[in-house]
């Protein structure tokens, strides 16, 4: 709770300094710099570099990673997602900022680099970090949520190609309010 309050206070300061825009519908584009006006904005997006054969190792270690290892991979808990087993996967991270006085949420993500794109969160269950699909990622009014390793993220499942450092991936986010945001996220190694 204390962390949430600190994040909200920081978000309000950032929004106050940047100037709030009114909530808008429609498609907007966000680059790596995160410049955009209105409703939901995205800053500091990036996608984890991944090779097509990276998920081929189905050893038990993937699903049983301890918390200390969670920062190094977004794939803990893969045994809970049969559609990911044996598929090359990656994850996208970013800071999602709500510049309006009304709470909103990311409810869908799409990208042509993967067969399936899902919203996920990482939780602690029986002292093991587990990855779970979520229906939405809530973004408080005049607040923000950070999608990061070990937390909320956009999961790219069944990659259509290698994701090499320095390339860009286009991800389309859809909000509960109907806004569509196009995010150009550079590929990098964590």
N, C-alpha and C. Protein backbone atom coordinates (compact mmCIF):
# COMPACT_ATOMS: atom_id res chain seq x y z
N UNK A 1 0.83 -1.18 0.00
CA UNK A 1 0.00 0.00 0.00
C UNK A 1 0.87 1.24 0.00
N UNK A 2 1.93 1.22 0.80
CA UNK A 2 2.83 2.37 0.87
C UNK A 2 3.49 2.62 -0.48
N UNK A 3 3.89 1.53 -1.14
CA UNK A 3 4.52 1.65 -2.45
C UNK A 3 3.55 2.24 -3.47
N UNK A 4 2.30 1.81 -3.41
CA UNK A 4 1.27 2.33 -4.31
C UNK A 4 1.08 3.82 -4.10
N UNK A 5 1.03 4.24 -2.84
CA UNK A 5 0.87 5.67 -2.53
C UNK A 5 2.06 6.47 -3.04
N UNK A 6 3.25 5.91 -2.89
CA UNK A 6 4.45 6.60 -3.37
C UNK A 6 4.41 6.72 -4.88
N UNK A 7 4.01 5.64 -5.58
CA UNK A 7 3.91 5.67 -7.03
C UNK A 7 2.87 6.67 -7.49
N UNK A 8 1.73 6.71 -6.79
CA UNK A 8 0.69 7.66 -7.16
C UNK A 8 1.17 9.10 -6.97
N UNK A 9 1.86 9.37 -5.87
CA UNK A 9 2.37 10.72 -5.62
C UNK A 9 3.39 11.10 -6.69
N UNK A 10 4.28 10.19 -7.04
CA UNK A 10 5.27 10.44 -8.08
C UNK A 10 4.59 10.68 -9.41
N UNK A 11 3.60 9.86 -9.73
CA UNK A 11 2.88 10.01 -10.99
C UNK A 11 2.19 11.36 -11.07
N UNK A 12 1.59 11.79 -9.95
CA UNK A 12 0.90 13.07 -9.95
C UNK A 12 1.89 14.21 -10.15
N UNK A 13 3.08 14.11 -9.58
CA UNK A 13 4.10 15.14 -9.79
C UNK A 13 4.53 15.17 -11.25
N UNK A 14 4.77 13.99 -11.84
CA UNK A 14 5.19 13.91 -13.24
C UNK A 14 4.11 14.47 -14.14
N UNK A 15 2.86 14.07 -13.90
CA UNK A 15 1.75 14.56 -14.71
C UNK A 15 1.62 16.06 -14.56
N UNK A 16 1.75 16.56 -13.34
CA UNK A 16 1.65 17.99 -13.11
C UNK A 16 2.73 18.78 -13.84
N UNK A 17 3.94 18.24 -13.87
CA UNK A 17 5.03 18.91 -14.56
C UNK A 17 4.88 18.84 -16.07
N UNK A 18 4.38 17.71 -16.58
CA UNK A 18 4.26 17.53 -18.02
C UNK A 18 3.01 18.20 -18.57
N UNK A 19 2.04 18.47 -17.72
CA UNK A 19 0.78 19.06 -18.19
C UNK A 19 -0.17 17.95 -18.60
N UNK A 20 -1.34 17.95 -18.01
CA UNK A 20 -2.32 16.90 -18.31
C UNK A 20 -3.05 17.22 -19.59
N UNK A 21 -3.39 16.15 -20.33
CA UNK A 21 -4.23 16.30 -21.51
C UNK A 21 -5.55 15.66 -21.25
N UNK A 22 -6.57 16.04 -21.99
CA UNK A 22 -7.90 15.43 -21.84
C UNK A 22 -7.88 14.05 -22.44
N UNK A 23 -8.71 13.17 -21.90
CA UNK A 23 -8.82 11.82 -22.42
C UNK A 23 -9.37 11.84 -23.83
N UNK A 24 -8.76 11.07 -24.72
CA UNK A 24 -9.18 11.01 -26.11
C UNK A 24 -9.37 9.58 -26.53
N UNK A 25 -10.25 9.36 -27.49
CA UNK A 25 -10.41 8.05 -28.10
C UNK A 25 -9.60 8.04 -29.38
N UNK A 26 -9.49 6.87 -29.98
CA UNK A 26 -8.83 6.77 -31.27
C UNK A 26 -7.46 6.17 -31.13
N UNK A 27 -6.72 6.17 -32.24
CA UNK A 27 -5.40 5.59 -32.28
C UNK A 27 -4.36 6.67 -32.12
N UNK A 28 -3.39 6.41 -31.25
CA UNK A 28 -2.28 7.32 -31.06
C UNK A 28 -1.01 6.51 -31.15
N UNK A 29 0.06 7.16 -31.48
CA UNK A 29 1.32 6.46 -31.64
C UNK A 29 2.31 6.95 -30.60
N UNK A 30 3.05 6.02 -30.01
CA UNK A 30 4.06 6.35 -29.02
C UNK A 30 5.38 5.75 -29.46
N UNK A 31 6.41 6.56 -29.48
CA UNK A 31 7.74 6.07 -29.81
C UNK A 31 8.49 5.79 -28.52
N UNK A 32 9.76 5.45 -28.65
CA UNK A 32 10.57 5.15 -27.48
C UNK A 32 10.60 6.34 -26.52
N UNK A 33 10.54 7.56 -27.04
CA UNK A 33 10.60 8.72 -26.17
C UNK A 33 9.33 8.89 -25.35
N UNK A 34 8.22 8.31 -25.80
CA UNK A 34 6.98 8.35 -25.05
C UNK A 34 6.20 9.63 -25.23
N UNK A 35 6.51 10.44 -26.24
CA UNK A 35 5.78 11.68 -26.43
C UNK A 35 4.40 11.39 -27.02
N UNK A 36 3.38 11.88 -26.36
CA UNK A 36 2.00 11.68 -26.78
C UNK A 36 1.11 12.51 -25.88
N UNK A 37 -0.03 12.95 -26.38
CA UNK A 37 -0.95 13.71 -25.55
C UNK A 37 -2.25 12.95 -25.39
N UNK A 38 -2.96 13.22 -24.29
CA UNK A 38 -4.27 12.62 -24.07
C UNK A 38 -4.21 11.37 -23.25
N UNK A 39 -5.39 10.87 -22.82
CA UNK A 39 -5.63 9.64 -22.09
C UNK A 39 -4.43 8.87 -21.60
N UNK A 40 -4.27 7.67 -22.10
CA UNK A 40 -3.17 6.79 -21.71
C UNK A 40 -1.96 7.08 -22.59
N UNK A 41 -0.81 7.20 -21.97
CA UNK A 41 0.45 7.35 -22.70
C UNK A 41 1.41 6.26 -22.23
N UNK A 42 2.42 6.01 -23.04
CA UNK A 42 3.41 4.99 -22.72
C UNK A 42 4.78 5.63 -22.83
N UNK A 43 5.65 5.30 -21.88
CA UNK A 43 7.03 5.75 -21.98
C UNK A 43 7.98 4.60 -21.65
N UNK A 44 9.20 4.73 -22.14
CA UNK A 44 10.28 3.76 -21.91
C UNK A 44 9.90 2.33 -22.28
N UNK A 45 9.27 2.11 -23.45
CA UNK A 45 8.94 0.72 -23.82
C UNK A 45 10.20 -0.02 -24.29
N UNK A 46 10.22 -1.33 -24.05
CA UNK A 46 11.26 -2.19 -24.59
C UNK A 46 10.77 -3.62 -24.61
N UNK A 47 11.38 -4.42 -25.49
CA UNK A 47 11.05 -5.84 -25.63
C UNK A 47 12.32 -6.64 -25.42
N UNK A 48 12.18 -7.74 -24.71
CA UNK A 48 13.32 -8.63 -24.43
C UNK A 48 13.76 -9.34 -25.71
N UNK A 49 15.04 -9.30 -26.01
CA UNK A 49 15.60 -10.03 -27.15
C UNK A 49 15.33 -11.52 -26.97
N UNK A 50 14.99 -12.20 -28.07
CA UNK A 50 14.66 -13.63 -27.98
C UNK A 50 14.97 -14.32 -29.30
N UNK A 51 15.42 -15.55 -29.19
CA UNK A 51 15.68 -16.37 -30.37
C UNK A 51 14.58 -17.42 -30.49
N UNK A 52 14.28 -17.83 -31.70
CA UNK A 52 13.19 -18.78 -31.94
C UNK A 52 13.35 -20.07 -31.14
N UNK A 53 14.57 -20.54 -30.89
CA UNK A 53 14.76 -21.81 -30.19
C UNK A 53 14.98 -21.66 -28.70
N UNK A 54 14.81 -20.44 -28.15
CA UNK A 54 15.14 -20.21 -26.74
C UNK A 54 14.26 -20.97 -25.77
N UNK A 55 13.01 -21.31 -26.15
CA UNK A 55 12.10 -21.98 -25.23
C UNK A 55 12.07 -23.48 -25.46
N UNK A 56 12.97 -23.99 -26.28
CA UNK A 56 12.96 -25.40 -26.58
C UNK A 56 13.32 -26.28 -25.41
N UNK A 57 14.09 -25.76 -24.46
CA UNK A 57 14.48 -26.52 -23.28
C UNK A 57 13.30 -26.57 -22.32
N UNK A 58 12.70 -27.71 -22.17
CA UNK A 58 11.54 -27.85 -21.31
C UNK A 58 11.89 -28.49 -19.97
N UNK A 59 13.11 -28.22 -19.50
CA UNK A 59 13.51 -28.76 -18.21
C UNK A 59 12.62 -28.19 -17.12
N UNK A 60 12.51 -28.89 -16.02
CA UNK A 60 11.67 -28.46 -14.93
C UNK A 60 12.08 -27.13 -14.32
N UNK A 61 13.28 -26.66 -14.59
CA UNK A 61 13.75 -25.41 -14.00
C UNK A 61 12.90 -24.22 -14.43
N UNK A 62 12.34 -24.25 -15.62
CA UNK A 62 11.56 -23.12 -16.12
C UNK A 62 10.39 -22.81 -15.20
N UNK A 63 9.67 -23.81 -14.76
CA UNK A 63 8.47 -23.57 -13.98
C UNK A 63 8.72 -23.46 -12.49
N UNK A 64 9.93 -23.71 -12.05
CA UNK A 64 10.20 -23.71 -10.62
C UNK A 64 11.26 -22.71 -10.21
N UNK A 65 11.36 -21.60 -10.93
CA UNK A 65 12.36 -20.59 -10.59
C UNK A 65 12.02 -19.93 -9.27
N UNK A 66 13.02 -19.68 -8.50
CA UNK A 66 12.84 -18.99 -7.23
C UNK A 66 12.83 -17.48 -7.48
N UNK A 67 12.40 -16.73 -6.51
CA UNK A 67 12.28 -15.28 -6.63
C UNK A 67 13.59 -14.64 -7.06
N UNK A 68 14.71 -15.12 -6.59
CA UNK A 68 15.99 -14.51 -6.91
C UNK A 68 16.29 -14.61 -8.40
N UNK A 69 15.76 -15.60 -9.08
CA UNK A 69 16.00 -15.76 -10.51
C UNK A 69 14.95 -15.07 -11.35
N UNK A 70 13.86 -14.60 -10.77
CA UNK A 70 12.75 -14.08 -11.55
C UNK A 70 13.13 -12.88 -12.38
N UNK A 71 14.04 -12.04 -11.91
CA UNK A 71 14.41 -10.85 -12.66
C UNK A 71 15.12 -11.21 -13.96
N UNK A 72 15.64 -12.40 -14.08
CA UNK A 72 16.40 -12.75 -15.28
C UNK A 72 15.54 -13.36 -16.39
N UNK A 73 14.29 -13.69 -16.11
CA UNK A 73 13.45 -14.27 -17.16
C UNK A 73 11.98 -14.01 -16.90
N UNK A 74 11.19 -13.80 -17.97
CA UNK A 74 9.76 -13.60 -17.80
C UNK A 74 9.00 -14.91 -17.87
N UNK A 75 9.69 -16.05 -17.87
CA UNK A 75 9.01 -17.29 -18.22
C UNK A 75 8.73 -18.23 -17.07
N UNK A 76 8.92 -17.81 -15.84
CA UNK A 76 8.61 -18.69 -14.71
C UNK A 76 7.14 -19.02 -14.74
N UNK A 77 6.81 -20.22 -14.35
CA UNK A 77 5.40 -20.62 -14.31
C UNK A 77 4.88 -21.10 -15.65
N UNK A 78 5.76 -21.43 -16.58
CA UNK A 78 5.30 -21.83 -17.91
C UNK A 78 4.47 -23.09 -17.89
N UNK A 79 4.61 -23.91 -16.84
CA UNK A 79 3.80 -25.12 -16.79
C UNK A 79 2.31 -24.78 -16.70
N UNK A 80 1.97 -23.57 -16.29
CA UNK A 80 0.58 -23.16 -16.17
C UNK A 80 0.01 -22.64 -17.49
N UNK A 81 0.83 -22.54 -18.50
CA UNK A 81 0.39 -22.02 -19.78
C UNK A 81 0.78 -23.00 -20.87
N UNK A 82 -0.04 -23.99 -21.11
CA UNK A 82 0.27 -25.01 -22.09
C UNK A 82 0.51 -24.46 -23.47
N UNK A 83 -0.12 -23.32 -23.82
CA UNK A 83 0.07 -22.76 -25.14
C UNK A 83 1.47 -22.17 -25.31
N UNK A 84 2.26 -22.02 -24.24
CA UNK A 84 3.60 -21.49 -24.36
C UNK A 84 4.65 -22.59 -24.44
N UNK A 85 4.35 -23.76 -23.93
CA UNK A 85 5.35 -24.82 -23.88
C UNK A 85 5.86 -25.13 -25.28
N UNK A 86 7.18 -25.09 -25.45
CA UNK A 86 7.79 -25.40 -26.72
C UNK A 86 7.75 -24.24 -27.71
N UNK A 87 7.19 -23.10 -27.34
CA UNK A 87 7.13 -21.94 -28.22
C UNK A 87 8.19 -20.92 -27.80
N UNK A 88 8.70 -20.20 -28.78
CA UNK A 88 9.62 -19.11 -28.47
C UNK A 88 8.78 -17.96 -27.93
N UNK A 89 9.22 -17.39 -26.83
CA UNK A 89 8.46 -16.32 -26.18
C UNK A 89 9.37 -15.13 -25.87
N UNK A 90 8.74 -14.00 -25.66
CA UNK A 90 9.43 -12.81 -25.20
C UNK A 90 8.43 -12.01 -24.38
N UNK A 91 8.86 -10.87 -23.88
CA UNK A 91 7.98 -10.02 -23.10
C UNK A 91 8.29 -8.57 -23.39
N UNK A 92 7.25 -7.73 -23.29
CA UNK A 92 7.40 -6.29 -23.48
C UNK A 92 7.15 -5.59 -22.16
N UNK A 93 7.92 -4.56 -21.91
CA UNK A 93 7.84 -3.80 -20.68
C UNK A 93 7.72 -2.31 -21.02
N UNK A 94 7.13 -1.53 -20.12
CA UNK A 94 6.93 -0.10 -20.35
C UNK A 94 6.31 0.52 -19.12
N UNK A 95 6.21 1.83 -19.12
CA UNK A 95 5.47 2.54 -18.08
C UNK A 95 4.21 3.08 -18.75
N UNK A 96 3.04 2.71 -18.22
CA UNK A 96 1.76 3.15 -18.76
C UNK A 96 1.24 4.26 -17.84
N UNK A 97 1.00 5.44 -18.42
CA UNK A 97 0.60 6.62 -17.65
C UNK A 97 -0.81 7.01 -18.05
N UNK A 98 -1.65 7.28 -17.05
CA UNK A 98 -3.01 7.75 -17.29
C UNK A 98 -3.04 9.25 -17.01
N UNK A 99 -3.25 10.04 -18.06
CA UNK A 99 -3.25 11.50 -17.95
C UNK A 99 -4.65 12.06 -17.74
N UNK A 100 -5.60 11.23 -17.36
CA UNK A 100 -6.97 11.71 -17.18
C UNK A 100 -7.41 11.55 -15.72
N UNK A 101 -8.55 12.13 -15.41
CA UNK A 101 -9.11 12.05 -14.06
C UNK A 101 -9.96 10.81 -13.86
N UNK A 102 -9.98 9.91 -14.84
CA UNK A 102 -10.78 8.69 -14.78
C UNK A 102 -9.87 7.47 -14.88
N UNK A 103 -10.05 6.51 -14.00
CA UNK A 103 -9.26 5.27 -14.06
C UNK A 103 -9.53 4.58 -15.39
N UNK A 104 -8.55 3.86 -15.90
CA UNK A 104 -8.68 3.11 -17.14
C UNK A 104 -7.87 1.83 -16.98
N UNK A 105 -7.80 1.04 -18.02
CA UNK A 105 -7.04 -0.20 -17.95
C UNK A 105 -6.62 -0.62 -19.35
N UNK A 106 -5.50 -1.29 -19.44
CA UNK A 106 -5.11 -1.96 -20.68
C UNK A 106 -5.84 -3.29 -20.67
N UNK A 107 -6.64 -3.56 -21.70
CA UNK A 107 -7.44 -4.79 -21.73
C UNK A 107 -7.02 -5.73 -22.85
N UNK A 108 -6.18 -5.25 -23.77
CA UNK A 108 -5.78 -6.09 -24.90
C UNK A 108 -4.47 -5.58 -25.46
N UNK A 109 -3.66 -6.50 -25.98
CA UNK A 109 -2.42 -6.15 -26.66
C UNK A 109 -2.29 -7.03 -27.89
N UNK A 110 -1.77 -6.46 -28.96
CA UNK A 110 -1.55 -7.19 -30.21
C UNK A 110 -0.18 -6.84 -30.77
N UNK A 111 0.41 -7.78 -31.50
CA UNK A 111 1.66 -7.53 -32.22
C UNK A 111 1.80 -8.58 -33.30
N UNK A 112 2.33 -8.17 -34.45
CA UNK A 112 2.50 -9.13 -35.54
C UNK A 112 3.74 -10.01 -35.37
N UNK A 113 4.52 -9.82 -34.32
CA UNK A 113 5.72 -10.64 -34.11
C UNK A 113 5.42 -11.95 -33.40
N UNK A 114 4.17 -12.12 -32.92
CA UNK A 114 3.84 -13.34 -32.16
C UNK A 114 2.46 -13.86 -32.56
N UNK A 115 2.30 -15.16 -32.42
CA UNK A 115 1.00 -15.79 -32.71
C UNK A 115 -0.05 -15.39 -31.68
N UNK A 116 0.38 -15.17 -30.44
CA UNK A 116 -0.54 -14.80 -29.37
C UNK A 116 0.13 -13.75 -28.49
N UNK A 117 -0.66 -12.77 -28.04
CA UNK A 117 -0.16 -11.73 -27.15
C UNK A 117 -1.11 -11.65 -25.97
N UNK A 118 -0.55 -11.76 -24.75
CA UNK A 118 -1.37 -11.79 -23.54
C UNK A 118 -0.83 -10.81 -22.51
N UNK A 119 -1.72 -10.35 -21.64
CA UNK A 119 -1.34 -9.53 -20.50
C UNK A 119 -1.06 -10.48 -19.33
N UNK A 120 0.06 -10.30 -18.65
CA UNK A 120 0.46 -11.20 -17.57
C UNK A 120 0.90 -10.43 -16.34
N UNK A 121 0.89 -11.14 -15.21
CA UNK A 121 1.47 -10.64 -13.97
C UNK A 121 2.23 -11.79 -13.33
N UNK A 122 3.17 -11.46 -12.48
CA UNK A 122 3.94 -12.46 -11.75
C UNK A 122 3.52 -12.37 -10.29
N UNK A 123 3.18 -13.52 -9.72
CA UNK A 123 2.75 -13.56 -8.32
C UNK A 123 3.59 -14.57 -7.56
N UNK A 124 3.60 -14.44 -6.25
CA UNK A 124 4.28 -15.41 -5.39
C UNK A 124 3.25 -16.42 -4.91
N UNK A 125 3.50 -17.70 -5.18
CA UNK A 125 2.60 -18.76 -4.75
C UNK A 125 3.43 -19.91 -4.21
N UNK A 126 3.23 -20.27 -2.95
CA UNK A 126 4.01 -21.33 -2.30
C UNK A 126 5.51 -21.09 -2.42
N UNK A 127 5.93 -19.85 -2.18
CA UNK A 127 7.33 -19.44 -2.25
C UNK A 127 7.96 -19.61 -3.62
N UNK A 128 7.13 -19.67 -4.67
CA UNK A 128 7.62 -19.77 -6.04
C UNK A 128 6.96 -18.67 -6.85
N UNK A 129 7.75 -17.97 -7.64
CA UNK A 129 7.20 -16.95 -8.52
C UNK A 129 6.46 -17.65 -9.66
N UNK A 130 5.22 -17.25 -9.88
CA UNK A 130 4.38 -17.84 -10.93
C UNK A 130 3.88 -16.74 -11.85
N UNK A 131 3.84 -17.02 -13.15
CA UNK A 131 3.32 -16.08 -14.11
C UNK A 131 1.87 -16.44 -14.41
N UNK A 132 0.98 -15.44 -14.42
CA UNK A 132 -0.44 -15.67 -14.65
C UNK A 132 -0.97 -14.66 -15.67
N UNK A 133 -1.83 -15.13 -16.56
CA UNK A 133 -2.53 -14.23 -17.48
C UNK A 133 -3.56 -13.44 -16.68
N UNK A 134 -3.72 -12.15 -17.03
CA UNK A 134 -4.72 -11.29 -16.38
C UNK A 134 -5.65 -10.72 -17.44
N UNK A 135 -6.87 -10.40 -17.02
CA UNK A 135 -7.87 -9.83 -17.93
C UNK A 135 -7.54 -8.39 -18.29
N UNK A 136 -6.95 -7.66 -17.36
CA UNK A 136 -6.67 -6.24 -17.57
C UNK A 136 -5.54 -5.80 -16.65
N UNK A 137 -4.87 -4.72 -17.04
CA UNK A 137 -3.88 -4.07 -16.20
C UNK A 137 -4.44 -2.69 -15.88
N UNK A 138 -4.86 -2.52 -14.64
CA UNK A 138 -5.52 -1.28 -14.20
C UNK A 138 -4.51 -0.13 -14.13
N UNK A 139 -4.93 1.04 -14.61
CA UNK A 139 -4.11 2.25 -14.54
C UNK A 139 -4.95 3.31 -13.83
N UNK A 140 -4.56 3.70 -12.61
CA UNK A 140 -5.38 4.64 -11.83
C UNK A 140 -5.46 6.02 -12.48
N UNK A 141 -6.52 6.75 -12.17
CA UNK A 141 -6.67 8.12 -12.65
C UNK A 141 -5.45 8.94 -12.23
N UNK A 142 -4.92 9.72 -13.17
CA UNK A 142 -3.74 10.55 -12.91
C UNK A 142 -2.60 9.75 -12.27
N UNK A 143 -2.48 8.49 -12.67
CA UNK A 143 -1.46 7.62 -12.11
C UNK A 143 -0.74 6.84 -13.19
N UNK A 144 0.01 5.85 -12.78
CA UNK A 144 0.76 5.03 -13.73
C UNK A 144 0.97 3.63 -13.17
N UNK A 145 1.32 2.73 -14.07
CA UNK A 145 1.71 1.38 -13.68
C UNK A 145 2.93 1.00 -14.51
N UNK A 146 3.91 0.40 -13.85
CA UNK A 146 5.11 -0.01 -14.54
C UNK A 146 5.03 -1.49 -14.90
N UNK A 147 5.18 -1.78 -16.19
CA UNK A 147 5.28 -3.16 -16.65
C UNK A 147 6.77 -3.47 -16.66
N UNK A 148 7.18 -4.45 -15.84
CA UNK A 148 8.61 -4.71 -15.66
C UNK A 148 8.84 -6.19 -15.37
N UNK A 149 10.07 -6.66 -15.54
CA UNK A 149 10.37 -8.05 -15.21
C UNK A 149 10.00 -8.33 -13.75
N UNK A 150 9.32 -9.44 -13.52
CA UNK A 150 8.90 -9.80 -12.17
C UNK A 150 7.58 -9.18 -11.77
N UNK A 151 6.90 -8.52 -12.70
CA UNK A 151 5.61 -7.88 -12.44
C UNK A 151 4.71 -7.98 -13.65
N UNK A 152 3.87 -6.97 -13.84
CA UNK A 152 3.03 -6.94 -15.04
C UNK A 152 3.91 -6.84 -16.28
N UNK A 153 3.46 -7.48 -17.38
CA UNK A 153 4.16 -7.40 -18.65
C UNK A 153 3.23 -7.86 -19.77
N UNK A 154 3.64 -7.59 -21.01
CA UNK A 154 2.93 -8.08 -22.19
C UNK A 154 3.71 -9.27 -22.69
N UNK A 155 3.07 -10.44 -22.71
CA UNK A 155 3.74 -11.68 -23.10
C UNK A 155 3.54 -11.92 -24.59
N UNK A 156 4.63 -12.12 -25.32
CA UNK A 156 4.62 -12.43 -26.75
C UNK A 156 4.89 -13.92 -26.89
N UNK A 157 3.88 -14.68 -27.32
CA UNK A 157 3.94 -16.14 -27.33
C UNK A 157 3.93 -16.66 -28.76
N UNK A 158 4.84 -17.59 -29.05
CA UNK A 158 4.92 -18.16 -30.39
C UNK A 158 5.48 -17.13 -31.37
N UNK A 159 6.72 -16.71 -31.12
CA UNK A 159 7.34 -15.69 -31.97
C UNK A 159 7.39 -16.14 -33.43
N UNK A 160 7.15 -15.19 -34.33
CA UNK A 160 7.21 -15.46 -35.77
C UNK A 160 8.62 -15.32 -36.30
N UNK A 161 9.50 -14.68 -35.52
CA UNK A 161 10.89 -14.44 -35.94
C UNK A 161 11.73 -14.15 -34.70
N UNK A 162 13.05 -14.18 -34.89
CA UNK A 162 13.96 -13.78 -33.82
C UNK A 162 13.74 -12.31 -33.52
N UNK A 163 13.89 -11.93 -32.27
CA UNK A 163 13.84 -10.54 -31.87
C UNK A 163 15.27 -10.15 -31.48
N UNK A 164 15.93 -9.40 -32.36
CA UNK A 164 17.34 -9.08 -32.18
C UNK A 164 17.51 -7.68 -31.64
N UNK A 165 18.50 -7.55 -30.77
CA UNK A 165 18.80 -6.27 -30.15
C UNK A 165 18.96 -5.19 -31.21
N UNK A 166 18.33 -4.04 -30.98
CA UNK A 166 18.41 -2.91 -31.90
C UNK A 166 17.21 -2.80 -32.83
N UNK A 167 16.45 -3.87 -33.01
CA UNK A 167 15.24 -3.82 -33.83
C UNK A 167 14.12 -3.14 -33.05
N UNK A 168 13.01 -2.87 -33.74
CA UNK A 168 11.83 -2.31 -33.09
C UNK A 168 10.65 -3.24 -33.30
N UNK A 169 9.80 -3.33 -32.28
CA UNK A 169 8.58 -4.15 -32.34
C UNK A 169 7.39 -3.21 -32.16
N UNK A 170 6.38 -3.37 -33.01
CA UNK A 170 5.16 -2.59 -32.88
C UNK A 170 4.16 -3.37 -32.05
N UNK A 171 3.67 -2.75 -30.99
CA UNK A 171 2.66 -3.35 -30.11
C UNK A 171 1.48 -2.40 -30.05
N UNK A 172 0.28 -2.94 -30.24
CA UNK A 172 -0.93 -2.13 -30.14
C UNK A 172 -1.63 -2.49 -28.83
N UNK A 173 -1.85 -1.47 -28.01
CA UNK A 173 -2.56 -1.64 -26.74
C UNK A 173 -3.96 -1.06 -26.88
N UNK A 174 -4.94 -1.74 -26.31
CA UNK A 174 -6.32 -1.25 -26.31
C UNK A 174 -6.74 -1.05 -24.86
N UNK A 175 -7.38 0.10 -24.59
CA UNK A 175 -7.83 0.40 -23.24
C UNK A 175 -9.31 0.09 -23.07
N UNK A 176 -9.73 -0.01 -21.84
CA UNK A 176 -11.14 -0.23 -21.53
C UNK A 176 -12.01 0.89 -22.10
N UNK A 177 -11.46 2.11 -22.15
CA UNK A 177 -12.21 3.27 -22.66
C UNK A 177 -12.26 3.31 -24.19
N UNK A 178 -11.58 2.38 -24.85
CA UNK A 178 -11.62 2.30 -26.31
C UNK A 178 -10.46 2.95 -27.02
N UNK A 179 -9.49 3.48 -26.29
CA UNK A 179 -8.32 4.09 -26.90
C UNK A 179 -7.38 3.00 -27.40
N UNK A 180 -6.77 3.22 -28.56
CA UNK A 180 -5.75 2.31 -29.09
C UNK A 180 -4.44 3.08 -29.14
N UNK A 181 -3.39 2.50 -28.58
CA UNK A 181 -2.08 3.13 -28.55
C UNK A 181 -1.11 2.24 -29.29
N UNK A 182 -0.42 2.79 -30.28
CA UNK A 182 0.62 2.05 -31.00
C UNK A 182 1.96 2.38 -30.35
N UNK A 183 2.63 1.34 -29.87
CA UNK A 183 3.90 1.51 -29.17
C UNK A 183 5.01 0.90 -30.01
N UNK A 184 6.03 1.68 -30.30
CA UNK A 184 7.22 1.18 -31.00
C UNK A 184 8.28 0.92 -29.93
N UNK A 185 8.52 -0.35 -29.66
CA UNK A 185 9.41 -0.74 -28.57
C UNK A 185 10.71 -1.32 -29.12
N UNK A 186 11.85 -0.75 -28.74
CA UNK A 186 13.12 -1.32 -29.17
C UNK A 186 13.38 -2.65 -28.48
N UNK A 187 14.06 -3.54 -29.20
CA UNK A 187 14.45 -4.83 -28.64
C UNK A 187 15.80 -4.65 -27.96
N UNK A 188 15.92 -5.16 -26.75
CA UNK A 188 17.19 -5.07 -26.04
C UNK A 188 17.36 -6.26 -25.13
N UNK A 189 18.59 -6.47 -24.71
CA UNK A 189 18.88 -7.50 -23.73
C UNK A 189 18.65 -6.91 -22.36
N UNK A 190 18.12 -7.69 -21.41
CA UNK A 190 17.86 -7.16 -20.07
C UNK A 190 19.13 -6.81 -19.34
